[in-house]
PDB file of all heavy atoms in Angstrom:
ATOM      1  N   ILE A   1      -5.540   0.593 -10.060  1.00  0.00           N
ATOM      2  CA  ILE A   1      -4.757   1.234 -11.121  1.00  0.00           C
ATOM      3  C   ILE A   1      -3.935   2.381 -10.548  1.00  0.00           C
ATOM      4  O   ILE A   1      -2.748   2.535 -10.847  1.00  0.00           O
ATOM      5  CB  ILE A   1      -5.680   1.721 -12.265  1.00  0.00           C
ATOM      6  CG1 ILE A   1      -6.243   0.516 -13.023  1.00  0.00           C
ATOM      7  CG2 ILE A   1      -4.946   2.674 -13.200  1.00  0.00           C
ATOM      8  CD1 ILE A   1      -7.380   0.851 -13.982  1.00  0.00           C
ATOM      9  N   LEU A   2      -4.574   3.191  -9.682  1.00  0.00           N
ATOM     10  CA  LEU A   2      -3.856   4.307  -9.061  1.00  0.00           C
ATOM     11  C   LEU A   2      -2.726   3.789  -8.171  1.00  0.00           C
ATOM     12  O   LEU A   2      -1.629   4.351  -8.161  1.00  0.00           O
ATOM     13  CB  LEU A   2      -4.810   5.179  -8.247  1.00  0.00           C
ATOM     14  CG  LEU A   2      -5.842   5.976  -9.038  1.00  0.00           C
ATOM     15  CD1 LEU A   2      -6.778   6.709  -8.092  1.00  0.00           C
ATOM     16  CD2 LEU A   2      -5.173   6.949  -9.993  1.00  0.00           C
ATOM     17  N   LEU A   3      -2.985   2.723  -7.429  1.00  0.00           N
ATOM     18  CA  LEU A   3      -1.948   2.158  -6.556  1.00  0.00           C
ATOM     19  C   LEU A   3      -0.735   1.706  -7.363  1.00  0.00           C
ATOM     20  O   LEU A   3       0.402   1.860  -6.913  1.00  0.00           O
ATOM     21  CB  LEU A   3      -2.499   0.979  -5.746  1.00  0.00           C
ATOM     22  CG  LEU A   3      -3.318   1.316  -4.518  1.00  0.00           C
ATOM     23  CD1 LEU A   3      -3.992   0.069  -3.963  1.00  0.00           C
ATOM     24  CD2 LEU A   3      -2.457   1.978  -3.447  1.00  0.00           C
ATOM     25  N   GLN A   4      -0.974   1.163  -8.553  1.00  0.00           N
ATOM     26  CA  GLN A   4       0.135   0.687  -9.378  1.00  0.00           C
ATOM     27  C   GLN A   4       1.031   1.837  -9.859  1.00  0.00           C
ATOM     28  O   GLN A   4       2.177   1.614 -10.230  1.00  0.00           O
ATOM     29  CB  GLN A   4      -0.390  -0.114 -10.579  1.00  0.00           C
ATOM     30  CG  GLN A   4      -1.062  -1.418 -10.184  1.00  0.00           C
ATOM     31  CD  GLN A   4      -0.191  -2.303  -9.322  1.00  0.00           C
ATOM     32  OE1 GLN A   4       0.980  -2.518  -9.597  1.00  0.00           O
ATOM     33  NE2 GLN A   4      -0.761  -2.793  -8.228  1.00  0.00           N
ATOM     34  N   LYS A   5       0.514   3.048  -9.837  1.00  0.00           N
ATOM     35  CA  LYS A   5       1.295   4.212 -10.267  1.00  0.00           C
ATOM     36  C   LYS A   5       2.226   4.722  -9.162  1.00  0.00           C
ATOM     37  O   LYS A   5       3.085   5.553  -9.424  1.00  0.00           O
ATOM     38  CB  LYS A   5       0.360   5.345 -10.703  1.00  0.00           C
ATOM     39  CG  LYS A   5      -0.427   5.007 -11.958  1.00  0.00           C
ATOM     40  CD  LYS A   5      -1.346   6.143 -12.359  1.00  0.00           C
ATOM     41  CE  LYS A   5      -2.121   5.793 -13.606  1.00  0.00           C
ATOM     42  NZ  LYS A   5      -3.011   6.883 -14.037  1.00  0.00           N
ATOM     43  N   LEU A   6       2.044   4.223  -7.943  1.00  0.00           N
ATOM     44  CA  LEU A   6       2.874   4.660  -6.821  1.00  0.00           C
ATOM     45  C   LEU A   6       4.202   3.919  -6.812  1.00  0.00           C
ATOM     46  O   LEU A   6       4.293   2.782  -7.281  1.00  0.00           O
ATOM     47  CB  LEU A   6       2.161   4.382  -5.492  1.00  0.00           C
ATOM     48  CG  LEU A   6       0.869   5.132  -5.212  1.00  0.00           C
ATOM     49  CD1 LEU A   6       0.310   4.681  -3.866  1.00  0.00           C
ATOM     50  CD2 LEU A   6       1.092   6.629  -5.215  1.00  0.00           C
ATOM     51  N   PRO A   7       5.225   4.544  -6.218  1.00  0.00           N
ATOM     52  CA  PRO A   7       6.469   3.809  -6.003  1.00  0.00           C
ATOM     53  C   PRO A   7       6.198   2.584  -5.127  1.00  0.00           C
ATOM     54  O   PRO A   7       5.296   2.591  -4.279  1.00  0.00           O
ATOM     55  CB  PRO A   7       7.354   4.822  -5.268  1.00  0.00           C
ATOM     56  CG  PRO A   7       6.774   6.159  -5.601  1.00  0.00           C
ATOM     57  CD  PRO A   7       5.312   5.932  -5.790  1.00  0.00           C
ATOM     58  N   GLU A   8       6.963   1.526  -5.340  1.00  0.00           N
ATOM     59  CA  GLU A   8       6.715   0.253  -4.662  1.00  0.00           C
ATOM     60  C   GLU A   8       6.656   0.379  -3.143  1.00  0.00           C
ATOM     61  O   GLU A   8       5.775  -0.193  -2.501  1.00  0.00           O
ATOM     62  CB  GLU A   8       7.786  -0.768  -5.047  1.00  0.00           C
ATOM     63  CG  GLU A   8       7.547  -2.125  -4.445  1.00  0.00           C
ATOM     64  CD  GLU A   8       8.568  -3.158  -4.877  1.00  0.00           C
ATOM     65  OE1 GLU A   8       9.434  -2.852  -5.719  1.00  0.00           O
ATOM     66  OE2 GLU A   8       8.497  -4.273  -4.366  1.00  0.00           O
ATOM     67  N   ALA A   9       7.566   1.135  -2.534  1.00  0.00           N
ATOM     68  CA  ALA A   9       7.609   1.244  -1.074  1.00  0.00           C
ATOM     69  C   ALA A   9       6.317   1.844  -0.525  1.00  0.00           C
ATOM     70  O   ALA A   9       5.750   1.337   0.449  1.00  0.00           O
ATOM     71  CB  ALA A   9       8.805   2.088  -0.638  1.00  0.00           C
ATOM     72  N   GLU A  10       5.820   2.905  -1.148  1.00  0.00           N
ATOM     73  CA  GLU A  10       4.593   3.541  -0.694  1.00  0.00           C
ATOM     74  C   GLU A  10       3.389   2.637  -0.948  1.00  0.00           C
ATOM     75  O   GLU A  10       2.510   2.495  -0.105  1.00  0.00           O
ATOM     76  CB  GLU A  10       4.377   4.903  -1.369  1.00  0.00           C
ATOM     77  CG  GLU A  10       5.222   6.018  -0.819  1.00  0.00           C
ATOM     78  CD  GLU A  10       6.610   6.100  -1.402  1.00  0.00           C
ATOM     79  OE1 GLU A  10       6.969   5.272  -2.277  1.00  0.00           O
ATOM     80  OE2 GLU A  10       7.370   6.984  -0.985  1.00  0.00           O
ATOM     81  N   ARG A  11       3.356   2.010  -2.123  1.00  0.00           N
ATOM     82  CA  ARG A  11       2.238   1.129  -2.468  1.00  0.00           C
ATOM     83  C   ARG A  11       2.139  -0.034  -1.481  1.00  0.00           C
ATOM     84  O   ARG A  11       1.063  -0.357  -0.992  1.00  0.00           O
ATOM     85  CB  ARG A  11       2.396   0.592  -3.892  1.00  0.00           C
ATOM     86  CG  ARG A  11       1.218  -0.289  -4.314  1.00  0.00           C
ATOM     87  CD  ARG A  11       1.346  -0.853  -5.721  1.00  0.00           C
ATOM     88  NE  ARG A  11       2.399  -1.837  -5.791  1.00  0.00           N
ATOM     89  CZ  ARG A  11       3.546  -1.693  -6.457  1.00  0.00           C
ATOM     90  NH1 ARG A  11       3.787  -0.591  -7.122  1.00  0.00           N
ATOM     91  NH2 ARG A  11       4.450  -2.640  -6.463  1.00  0.00           N
ATOM     92  N   GLU A  12       3.271  -0.649  -1.155  1.00  0.00           N
ATOM     93  CA  GLU A  12       3.260  -1.784  -0.228  1.00  0.00           C
ATOM     94  C   GLU A  12       2.712  -1.387   1.134  1.00  0.00           C
ATOM     95  O   GLU A  12       1.897  -2.104   1.712  1.00  0.00           O
ATOM     96  CB  GLU A  12       4.667  -2.354  -0.063  1.00  0.00           C
ATOM     97  CG  GLU A  12       5.122  -3.197  -1.223  1.00  0.00           C
ATOM     98  CD  GLU A  12       6.509  -3.781  -1.004  1.00  0.00           C
ATOM     99  OE1 GLU A  12       7.262  -3.265  -0.143  1.00  0.00           O
ATOM    100  OE2 GLU A  12       6.834  -4.755  -1.690  1.00  0.00           O
ATOM    101  N   VAL A  13       3.153  -0.239   1.659  1.00  0.00           N
ATOM    102  CA  VAL A  13       2.704   0.196   2.977  1.00  0.00           C
ATOM    103  C   VAL A  13       1.192   0.456   2.957  1.00  0.00           C
ATOM    104  O   VAL A  13       0.474   0.040   3.868  1.00  0.00           O
ATOM    105  CB  VAL A  13       3.483   1.450   3.456  1.00  0.00           C
ATOM    106  CG1 VAL A  13       2.850   2.043   4.698  1.00  0.00           C
ATOM    107  CG2 VAL A  13       4.941   1.097   3.720  1.00  0.00           C
ATOM    108  N   ILE A  14       0.703   1.118   1.919  1.00  0.00           N
ATOM    109  CA  ILE A  14      -0.739   1.402   1.826  1.00  0.00           C
ATOM    110  C   ILE A  14      -1.528   0.104   1.724  1.00  0.00           C
ATOM    111  O   ILE A  14      -2.536  -0.073   2.411  1.00  0.00           O
ATOM    112  CB  ILE A  14      -1.040   2.336   0.633  1.00  0.00           C
ATOM    113  CG1 ILE A  14      -0.509   3.746   0.944  1.00  0.00           C
ATOM    114  CG2 ILE A  14      -2.533   2.382   0.332  1.00  0.00           C
ATOM    115  CD1 ILE A  14      -0.561   4.710  -0.212  1.00  0.00           C
ATOM    116  N   GLU A  15      -1.079  -0.820   0.896  1.00  0.00           N
ATOM    117  CA  GLU A  15      -1.792  -2.090   0.750  1.00  0.00           C
ATOM    118  C   GLU A  15      -1.784  -2.879   2.056  1.00  0.00           C
ATOM    119  O   GLU A  15      -2.817  -3.431   2.457  1.00  0.00           O
ATOM    120  CB  GLU A  15      -1.173  -2.920  -0.374  1.00  0.00           C
ATOM    121  CG  GLU A  15      -1.490  -2.370  -1.758  1.00  0.00           C
ATOM    122  CD  GLU A  15      -0.770  -3.102  -2.885  1.00  0.00           C
ATOM    123  OE1 GLU A  15       0.215  -3.830  -2.613  1.00  0.00           O
ATOM    124  OE2 GLU A  15      -1.185  -2.938  -4.046  1.00  0.00           O
ATOM    125  N   LEU A  16      -0.639  -2.936   2.722  1.00  0.00           N
ATOM    126  CA  LEU A  16      -0.563  -3.684   3.978  1.00  0.00           C
ATOM    127  C   LEU A  16      -1.460  -3.064   5.047  1.00  0.00           C
ATOM    128  O   LEU A  16      -2.119  -3.771   5.800  1.00  0.00           O
ATOM    129  CB  LEU A  16       0.884  -3.754   4.470  1.00  0.00           C
ATOM    130  CG  LEU A  16       1.822  -4.633   3.635  1.00  0.00           C
ATOM    131  CD1 LEU A  16       3.262  -4.475   4.123  1.00  0.00           C
ATOM    132  CD2 LEU A  16       1.404  -6.093   3.675  1.00  0.00           C
ATOM    133  N   HIS A  17      -1.478  -1.733   5.087  1.00  0.00           N
ATOM    134  CA  HIS A  17      -2.259  -1.053   6.124  1.00  0.00           C
ATOM    135  C   HIS A  17      -3.755  -1.035   5.796  1.00  0.00           C
ATOM    136  O   HIS A  17      -4.581  -1.419   6.626  1.00  0.00           O
ATOM    137  CB  HIS A  17      -1.736   0.374   6.315  1.00  0.00           C
ATOM    138  CG  HIS A  17      -2.410   1.109   7.425  1.00  0.00           C
ATOM    139  ND1 HIS A  17      -2.274   0.754   8.735  1.00  0.00           N
ATOM    140  CD2 HIS A  17      -3.248   2.170   7.412  1.00  0.00           C
ATOM    141  CE1 HIS A  17      -2.983   1.563   9.493  1.00  0.00           C
ATOM    142  NE2 HIS A  17      -3.596   2.433   8.698  1.00  0.00           N
ATOM    143  N   MET A  18      -4.108  -0.622   4.590  1.00  0.00           N
ATOM    144  CA  MET A  18      -5.512  -0.417   4.255  1.00  0.00           C
ATOM    145  C   MET A  18      -6.228  -1.718   3.860  1.00  0.00           C
ATOM    146  O   MET A  18      -7.386  -1.890   4.182  1.00  0.00           O
ATOM    147  CB  MET A  18      -5.646   0.587   3.102  1.00  0.00           C
ATOM    148  CG  MET A  18      -5.110   1.959   3.418  1.00  0.00           C
ATOM    149  SD  MET A  18      -6.012   2.801   4.695  1.00  0.00           S
ATOM    150  CE  MET A  18      -7.401   3.374   3.759  1.00  0.00           C
ATOM    151  N   ILE A  19      -5.542  -2.594   3.168  1.00  0.00           N
ATOM    152  CA  ILE A  19      -6.201  -3.794   2.663  1.00  0.00           C
ATOM    153  C   ILE A  19      -6.036  -4.971   3.620  1.00  0.00           C
ATOM    154  O   ILE A  19      -6.999  -5.644   3.952  1.00  0.00           O
ATOM    155  CB  ILE A  19      -5.679  -4.144   1.250  1.00  0.00           C
ATOM    156  CG1 ILE A  19      -6.034  -3.004   0.290  1.00  0.00           C
ATOM    157  CG2 ILE A  19      -6.244  -5.476   0.766  1.00  0.00           C
ATOM    158  CD1 ILE A  19      -5.388  -3.072  -1.051  1.00  0.00           C
ATOM    159  N   ARG A  20      -4.818  -5.181   4.091  1.00  0.00           N
ATOM    160  CA  ARG A  20      -4.589  -6.309   5.004  1.00  0.00           C
ATOM    161  C   ARG A  20      -4.835  -5.939   6.459  1.00  0.00           C
ATOM    162  O   ARG A  20      -4.853  -6.800   7.316  1.00  0.00           O
ATOM    163  CB  ARG A  20      -3.173  -6.848   4.821  1.00  0.00           C
ATOM    164  CG  ARG A  20      -3.029  -7.551   3.473  1.00  0.00           C
ATOM    165  CD  ARG A  20      -1.810  -8.371   3.272  1.00  0.00           C
ATOM    166  NE  ARG A  20      -1.386  -9.156   4.390  1.00  0.00           N
ATOM    167  CZ  ARG A  20      -0.119  -9.492   4.612  1.00  0.00           C
ATOM    168  NH1 ARG A  20       0.824  -9.108   3.769  1.00  0.00           N
ATOM    169  NH2 ARG A  20       0.216 -10.212   5.656  1.00  0.00           N
ATOM    170  N   GLY A  21      -5.006  -4.638   6.738  1.00  0.00           N
ATOM    171  CA  GLY A  21      -5.349  -4.211   8.088  1.00  0.00           C
ATOM    172  C   GLY A  21      -4.199  -4.267   9.076  1.00  0.00           C
ATOM    173  O   GLY A  21      -4.432  -4.313  10.282  1.00  0.00           O
ATOM    174  N   MET A  22      -2.976  -4.270   8.579  1.00  0.00           N
ATOM    175  CA  MET A  22      -1.821  -4.324   9.474  1.00  0.00           C
ATOM    176  C   MET A  22      -1.566  -2.953  10.090  1.00  0.00           C
ATOM    177  O   MET A  22      -1.774  -1.924   9.447  1.00  0.00           O
ATOM    178  CB  MET A  22      -0.570  -4.791   8.709  1.00  0.00           C
ATOM    179  CG  MET A  22      -0.652  -6.231   8.225  1.00  0.00           C
ATOM    180  SD  MET A  22       0.782  -6.706   7.219  1.00  0.00           S
ATOM    181  CE  MET A  22       2.082  -6.703   8.458  1.00  0.00           C
ATOM    182  N   SER A  23      -1.103  -2.948  11.335  1.00  0.00           N
ATOM    183  CA  SER A  23      -0.736  -1.691  11.981  1.00  0.00           C
ATOM    184  C   SER A  23       0.620  -1.239  11.436  1.00  0.00           C
ATOM    185  O   SER A  23       1.370  -2.028  10.843  1.00  0.00           O
ATOM    186  CB  SER A  23      -0.648  -1.880  13.493  1.00  0.00           C
ATOM    187  OG  SER A  23       0.470  -2.690  13.816  1.00  0.00           O
ATOM    188  N   PHE A  24       0.936   0.021  11.653  1.00  0.00           N
ATOM    189  CA  PHE A  24       2.230   0.526  11.212  1.00  0.00           C
ATOM    190  C   PHE A  24       3.367  -0.218  11.920  1.00  0.00           C
ATOM    191  O   PHE A  24       4.413  -0.466  11.335  1.00  0.00           O
ATOM    192  CB  PHE A  24       2.341   2.033  11.460  1.00  0.00           C
ATOM    193  CG  PHE A  24       1.424   2.854  10.585  1.00  0.00           C
ATOM    194  CD1 PHE A  24       0.598   3.815  11.136  1.00  0.00           C
ATOM    195  CD2 PHE A  24       1.375   2.668   9.220  1.00  0.00           C
ATOM    196  CE1 PHE A  24      -0.246   4.562  10.343  1.00  0.00           C
ATOM    197  CE2 PHE A  24       0.527   3.404   8.413  1.00  0.00           C
ATOM    198  CZ  PHE A  24      -0.287   4.358   8.979  1.00  0.00           C
TER     199      PHE A  24
END
């Protein structure tokens, strides 16, 4: 729910890094 409140660009980077484990 908190992630959905973020702007799309920030949310995508956090999801890719924290959930999918992708490097920057």
